[in-house]
Amino acid sequence: METINIKEEAQNLLKDLPADATWDDLMYKIYVRQAIEAGLEDSNAGRTIDVKEVRAKFGLLK
């Protein structure tokens, strides 16, 4: 797995925010980034569940 330079990635997040962004905007961007990275890590490690299993578990139709 490639090494991520957190400082550079944080600076990229900051650059993409508009000038009138709030702390909540920044925290949301960080949260989304962490969630995506965690999901990709789980997927790469084979920690996934088929969508049919999830639907059945929660009683959802197609």
PDB file of N, CA and C in Angstrom:
ATOM      1  N   MET A   1       0.841  -1.187   0.000  1.00  0.00           N
ATOM      2  CA  MET A   1       0.000   0.000   0.000  1.00  0.00           C
ATOM      3  C   MET A   1       0.878   1.240   0.000  1.00  0.00           C
ATOM      4  N   GLU A   2       0.467   2.235  -0.755  1.00  0.00           N
ATOM      5  CA  GLU A   2       1.287   3.432  -0.853  1.00  0.00           C
ATOM      6  C   GLU A   2       1.203   4.275   0.411  1.00  0.00           C
ATOM      7  N   THR A   3       2.274   4.970   0.707  1.00  0.00           N
ATOM      8  CA  THR A   3       2.317   5.832   1.873  1.00  0.00           C
ATOM      9  C   THR A   3       1.690   7.181   1.530  1.00  0.00           C
ATOM     10  N   ILE A   4       0.839   7.664   2.416  1.00  0.00           N
ATOM     11  CA  ILE A   4       0.169   8.941   2.197  1.00  0.00           C
ATOM     12  C   ILE A   4       0.800   9.992   3.107  1.00  0.00           C
ATOM     13  N   ASN A   5       1.135  11.121   2.526  1.00  0.00           N
ATOM     14  CA  ASN A   5       1.654  12.234   3.304  1.00  0.00           C
ATOM     15  C   ASN A   5       0.455  13.036   3.807  1.00  0.00           C
ATOM     16  N   ILE A   6       0.110  12.830   5.068  1.00  0.00           N
ATOM     17  CA  ILE A   6      -1.085  13.438   5.651  1.00  0.00           C
ATOM     18  C   ILE A   6      -1.035  14.960   5.570  1.00  0.00           C
ATOM     19  N   LYS A   7       0.117  15.540   5.814  1.00  0.00           N
ATOM     20  CA  LYS A   7       0.249  17.003   5.788  1.00  0.00           C
ATOM     21  C   LYS A   7      -0.093  17.547   4.392  1.00  0.00           C
ATOM     22  N   GLU A   8       0.425  16.897   3.357  1.00  0.00           N
ATOM     23  CA  GLU A   8       0.123  17.337   1.989  1.00  0.00           C
ATOM     24  C   GLU A   8      -1.356  17.160   1.669  1.00  0.00           C
ATOM     25  N   GLU A   9      -1.911  16.040   2.090  1.00  0.00           N
ATOM     26  CA  GLU A   9      -3.328  15.789   1.820  1.00  0.00           C
ATOM     27  C   GLU A   9      -4.209  16.803   2.551  1.00  0.00           C
ATOM     28  N   ALA A  10      -3.847  17.158   3.778  1.00  0.00           N
ATOM     29  CA  ALA A  10      -4.603  18.169   4.526  1.00  0.00           C
ATOM     30  C   ALA A  10      -4.524  19.522   3.825  1.00  0.00           C
ATOM     31  N   GLN A  11      -3.350  19.857   3.313  1.00  0.00           N
ATOM     32  CA  GLN A  11      -3.192  21.119   2.582  1.00  0.00           C
ATOM     33  C   GLN A  11      -4.055  21.117   1.320  1.00  0.00           C
ATOM     34  N   ASN A  12      -4.148  19.967   0.649  1.00  0.00           N
ATOM     35  CA  ASN A  12      -5.012  19.861  -0.528  1.00  0.00           C
ATOM     36  C   ASN A  12      -6.476  20.069  -0.166  1.00  0.00           C
ATOM     37  N   LEU A  13      -6.895  19.511   0.973  1.00  0.00           N
ATOM     38  CA  LEU A  13      -8.269  19.724   1.423  1.00  0.00           C
ATOM     39  C   LEU A  13      -8.523  21.206   1.676  1.00  0.00           C
ATOM     40  N   LEU A  14      -7.574  21.865   2.304  1.00  0.00           N
ATOM     41  CA  LEU A  14      -7.712  23.288   2.596  1.00  0.00           C
ATOM     42  C   LEU A  14      -7.776  24.121   1.319  1.00  0.00           C
ATOM     43  N   LYS A  15      -6.943  23.779   0.349  1.00  0.00           N
ATOM     44  CA  LYS A  15      -6.934  24.529  -0.911  1.00  0.00           C
ATOM     45  C   LYS A  15      -8.274  24.443  -1.620  1.00  0.00           C
ATOM     46  N   ASP A  16      -8.949  23.313  -1.483  1.00  0.00           N
ATOM     47  CA  ASP A  16     -10.213  23.103  -2.188  1.00  0.00           C
ATOM     48  C   ASP A  16     -11.407  23.768  -1.506  1.00  0.00           C
ATOM     49  N   LEU A  17     -11.239  24.214  -0.279  1.00  0.00           N
ATOM     50  CA  LEU A  17     -12.340  24.863   0.432  1.00  0.00           C
ATOM     51  C   LEU A  17     -12.502  26.303  -0.053  1.00  0.00           C
ATOM     52  N   PRO A  18     -13.734  26.773  -0.116  1.00  0.00           N
ATOM     53  CA  PRO A  18     -13.948  28.182  -0.482  1.00  0.00           C
ATOM     54  C   PRO A  18     -13.481  29.103   0.648  1.00  0.00           C
ATOM     55  N   ALA A  19     -13.263  30.359   0.331  1.00  0.00           N
ATOM     56  CA  ALA A  19     -12.750  31.321   1.308  1.00  0.00           C
ATOM     57  C   ALA A  19     -13.688  31.505   2.501  1.00  0.00           C
ATOM     58  N   ASP A  20     -14.984  31.286   2.291  1.00  0.00           N
ATOM     59  CA  ASP A  20     -15.952  31.485   3.381  1.00  0.00           C
ATOM     60  C   ASP A  20     -16.303  30.174   4.104  1.00  0.00           C
ATOM     61  N   ALA A  21     -15.464  29.153   3.949  1.00  0.00           N
ATOM     62  CA  ALA A  21     -15.719  27.861   4.585  1.00  0.00           C
ATOM     63  C   ALA A  21     -15.685  27.972   6.102  1.00  0.00           C
ATOM     64  N   THR A  22     -16.432  27.088   6.735  1.00  0.00           N
ATOM     65  CA  THR A  22     -16.482  27.054   8.204  1.00  0.00           C
ATOM     66  C   THR A  22     -15.647  25.870   8.706  1.00  0.00           C
ATOM     67  N   TRP A  23     -15.459  25.824  10.029  1.00  0.00           N
ATOM     68  CA  TRP A  23     -14.779  24.674  10.624  1.00  0.00           C
ATOM     69  C   TRP A  23     -15.571  23.402  10.336  1.00  0.00           C
ATOM     70  N   ASP A  24     -16.894  23.520  10.355  1.00  0.00           N
ATOM     71  CA  ASP A  24     -17.733  22.354  10.067  1.00  0.00           C
ATOM     72  C   ASP A  24     -17.504  21.849   8.644  1.00  0.00           C
ATOM     73  N   ASP A  25     -17.319  22.763   7.701  1.00  0.00           N
ATOM     74  CA  ASP A  25     -17.023  22.357   6.320  1.00  0.00           C
ATOM     75  C   ASP A  25     -15.729  21.559   6.260  1.00  0.00           C
ATOM     76  N   LEU A  26     -14.718  22.049   6.949  1.00  0.00           N
ATOM     77  CA  LEU A  26     -13.427  21.356   6.966  1.00  0.00           C
ATOM     78  C   LEU A  26     -13.553  19.989   7.627  1.00  0.00           C
ATOM     79  N   MET A  27     -14.240  19.928   8.763  1.00  0.00           N
ATOM     80  CA  MET A  27     -14.405  18.666   9.468  1.00  0.00           C
ATOM     81  C   MET A  27     -15.176  17.659   8.614  1.00  0.00           C
ATOM     82  N   TYR A  28     -16.166  18.135   7.864  1.00  0.00           N
ATOM     83  CA  TYR A  28     -16.927  17.245   6.993  1.00  0.00           C
ATOM     84  C   TYR A  28     -16.020  16.668   5.909  1.00  0.00           C
ATOM     85  N   LYS A  29     -15.202  17.510   5.303  1.00  0.00           N
ATOM     86  CA  LYS A  29     -14.265  17.031   4.266  1.00  0.00           C
ATOM     87  C   LYS A  29     -13.328  15.970   4.837  1.00  0.00           C
ATOM     88  N   ILE A  30     -12.821  16.208   6.043  1.00  0.00           N
ATOM     89  CA  ILE A  30     -11.920  15.241   6.683  1.00  0.00           C
ATOM     90  C   ILE A  30     -12.663  13.938   6.956  1.00  0.00           C
ATOM     91  N   TYR A  31     -13.882  14.041   7.483  1.00  0.00           N
ATOM     92  CA  TYR A  31     -14.691  12.857   7.775  1.00  0.00           C
ATOM     93  C   TYR A  31     -14.927  12.020   6.526  1.00  0.00           C
ATOM     94  N   VAL A  32     -15.332  12.675   5.434  1.00  0.00           N
ATOM     95  CA  VAL A  32     -15.615  11.962   4.185  1.00  0.00           C
ATOM     96  C   VAL A  32     -14.345  11.286   3.675  1.00  0.00           C
ATOM     97  N   ARG A  33     -13.225  11.998   3.733  1.00  0.00           N
ATOM     98  CA  ARG A  33     -11.956  11.427   3.265  1.00  0.00           C
ATOM     99  C   ARG A  33     -11.593  10.181   4.067  1.00  0.00           C
ATOM    100  N   GLN A  34     -11.727  10.262   5.399  1.00  0.00           N
ATOM    101  CA  GLN A  34     -11.411   9.115   6.252  1.00  0.00           C
ATOM    102  C   GLN A  34     -12.351   7.952   5.980  1.00  0.00           C
ATOM    103  N   ALA A  35     -13.627   8.235   5.782  1.00  0.00           N
ATOM    104  CA  ALA A  35     -14.603   7.171   5.518  1.00  0.00           C
ATOM    105  C   ALA A  35     -14.294   6.457   4.200  1.00  0.00           C
ATOM    106  N   ILE A  36     -13.939   7.214   3.187  1.00  0.00           N
ATOM    107  CA  ILE A  36     -13.603   6.612   1.891  1.00  0.00           C
ATOM    108  C   ILE A  36     -12.356   5.754   2.017  1.00  0.00           C
ATOM    109  N   GLU A  37     -11.330   6.281   2.677  1.00  0.00           N
ATOM    110  CA  GLU A  37     -10.095   5.514   2.844  1.00  0.00           C
ATOM    111  C   GLU A  37     -10.332   4.232   3.641  1.00  0.00           C
ATOM    112  N   ALA A  38     -11.156   4.304   4.691  1.00  0.00           N
ATOM    113  CA  ALA A  38     -11.456   3.113   5.489  1.00  0.00           C
ATOM    114  C   ALA A  38     -12.216   2.085   4.653  1.00  0.00           C
ATOM    115  N   GLY A  39     -13.150   2.552   3.825  1.00  0.00           N
ATOM    116  CA  GLY A  39     -13.902   1.650   2.966  1.00  0.00           C
ATOM    117  C   GLY A  39     -13.019   0.967   1.937  1.00  0.00           C
ATOM    118  N   LEU A  40     -12.105   1.730   1.349  1.00  0.00           N
ATOM    119  CA  LEU A  40     -11.181   1.147   0.375  1.00  0.00           C
ATOM    120  C   LEU A  40     -10.264   0.125   1.035  1.00  0.00           C
ATOM    121  N   GLU A  41      -9.819   0.435   2.247  1.00  0.00           N
ATOM    122  CA  GLU A  41      -8.959  -0.500   2.981  1.00  0.00           C
ATOM    123  C   GLU A  41      -9.712  -1.796   3.278  1.00  0.00           C
ATOM    124  N   ASP A  42     -10.967  -1.678   3.722  1.00  0.00           N
ATOM    125  CA  ASP A  42     -11.783  -2.863   3.984  1.00  0.00           C
ATOM    126  C   ASP A  42     -11.982  -3.685   2.715  1.00  0.00           C
ATOM    127  N   SER A  43     -12.272  -3.002   1.628  1.00  0.00           N
ATOM    128  CA  SER A  43     -12.486  -3.697   0.362  1.00  0.00           C
ATOM    129  C   SER A  43     -11.230  -4.428  -0.088  1.00  0.00           C
ATOM    130  N   ASN A  44     -10.101  -3.770  -0.004  1.00  0.00           N
ATOM    131  CA  ASN A  44      -8.837  -4.390  -0.408  1.00  0.00           C
ATOM    132  C   ASN A  44      -8.476  -5.586   0.465  1.00  0.00           C
ATOM    133  N   ALA A  45      -8.925  -5.559   1.732  1.00  0.00           N
ATOM    134  CA  ALA A  45      -8.632  -6.648   2.664  1.00  0.00           C
ATOM    135  C   ALA A  45      -9.690  -7.752   2.589  1.00  0.00           C
ATOM    136  N   GLY A  46     -10.688  -7.575   1.713  1.00  0.00           N
ATOM    137  CA  GLY A  46     -11.714  -8.596   1.567  1.00  0.00           C
ATOM    138  C   GLY A  46     -12.796  -8.544   2.628  1.00  0.00           C
ATOM    139  N   ARG A  47     -12.862  -7.476   3.378  1.00  0.00           N
ATOM    140  CA  ARG A  47     -13.882  -7.332   4.421  1.00  0.00           C
ATOM    141  C   ARG A  47     -15.131  -6.671   3.819  1.00  0.00           C
ATOM    142  N   THR A  48     -15.830  -7.428   2.995  1.00  0.00           N
ATOM    143  CA  THR A  48     -17.035  -6.921   2.347  1.00  0.00           C
ATOM    144  C   THR A  48     -18.175  -7.908   2.542  1.00  0.00           C
ATOM    145  N   ILE A  49     -19.385  -7.425   2.322  1.00  0.00           N
ATOM    146  CA  ILE A  49     -20.581  -8.253   2.403  1.00  0.00           C
ATOM    147  C   ILE A  49     -21.371  -8.014   1.120  1.00  0.00           C
ATOM    148  N   ASP A  50     -21.861  -9.072   0.531  1.00  0.00           N
ATOM    149  CA  ASP A  50     -22.645  -8.958  -0.685  1.00  0.00           C
ATOM    150  C   ASP A  50     -23.913  -8.160  -0.397  1.00  0.00           C
ATOM    151  N   VAL A  51     -24.304  -7.322  -1.352  1.00  0.00           N
ATOM    152  CA  VAL A  51     -25.478  -6.467  -1.168  1.00  0.00           C
ATOM    153  C   VAL A  51     -26.745  -7.290  -0.910  1.00  0.00           C
ATOM    154  N   LYS A  52     -26.844  -8.473  -1.472  1.00  0.00           N
ATOM    155  CA  LYS A  52     -28.008  -9.328  -1.228  1.00  0.00           C
ATOM    156  C   LYS A  52     -28.094  -9.721   0.243  1.00  0.00           C
ATOM    157  N   GLU A  53     -26.938  -9.992   0.867  1.00  0.00           N
ATOM    158  CA  GLU A  53     -26.916 -10.331   2.292  1.00  0.00           C
ATOM    159  C   GLU A  53     -27.369  -9.146   3.144  1.00  0.00           C
ATOM    160  N   VAL A  54     -26.914  -7.960   2.784  1.00  0.00           N
ATOM    161  CA  VAL A  54     -27.282  -6.758   3.539  1.00  0.00           C
ATOM    162  C   VAL A  54     -28.782  -6.504   3.416  1.00  0.00           C
ATOM    163  N   ARG A  55     -29.287  -6.621   2.207  1.00  0.00           N
ATOM    164  CA  ARG A  55     -30.730  -6.412   2.001  1.00  0.00           C
ATOM    165  C   ARG A  55     -31.546  -7.421   2.801  1.00  0.00           C
ATOM    166  N   ALA A  56     -31.120  -8.680   2.792  1.00  0.00           N
ATOM    167  CA  ALA A  56     -31.841  -9.702   3.531  1.00  0.00           C
ATOM    168  C   ALA A  56     -31.787  -9.433   5.035  1.00  0.00           C
ATOM    169  N   LYS A  57     -30.635  -9.006   5.521  1.00  0.00           N
ATOM    170  CA  LYS A  57     -30.475  -8.731   6.947  1.00  0.00           C
ATOM    171  C   LYS A  57     -31.441  -7.640   7.424  1.00  0.00           C
ATOM    172  N   PHE A  58     -31.667  -6.629   6.568  1.00  0.00           N
ATOM    173  CA  PHE A  58     -32.516  -5.512   6.960  1.00  0.00           C
ATOM    174  C   PHE A  58     -33.919  -5.597   6.378  1.00  0.00           C
ATOM    175  N   GLY A  59     -34.232  -6.738   5.739  1.00  0.00           N
ATOM    176  CA  GLY A  59     -35.571  -6.944   5.209  1.00  0.00           C
ATOM    177  C   GLY A  59     -35.920  -6.003   4.069  1.00  0.00           C
ATOM    178  N   LEU A  60     -34.945  -5.644   3.263  1.00  0.00           N
ATOM    179  CA  LEU A  60     -35.185  -4.703   2.157  1.00  0.00           C
ATOM    180  C   LEU A  60     -35.441  -5.470   0.871  1.00  0.00           C
ATOM    181  N   LEU A  61     -36.321  -4.942   0.069  1.00  0.00           N
ATOM    182  CA  LEU A  61     -36.573  -5.489  -1.252  1.00  0.00           C
ATOM    183  C   LEU A  61     -35.503  -4.981  -2.201  1.00  0.00           C
ATOM    184  N   LYS A  62     -35.509  -5.505  -3.418  1.00  0.00           N
ATOM    185  CA  LYS A  62     -34.549  -5.078  -4.419  1.00  0.00           C
ATOM    186  C   LYS A  62     -34.463  -3.597  -4.409  1.00  0.00           C
TER     187      LYS A  62
END
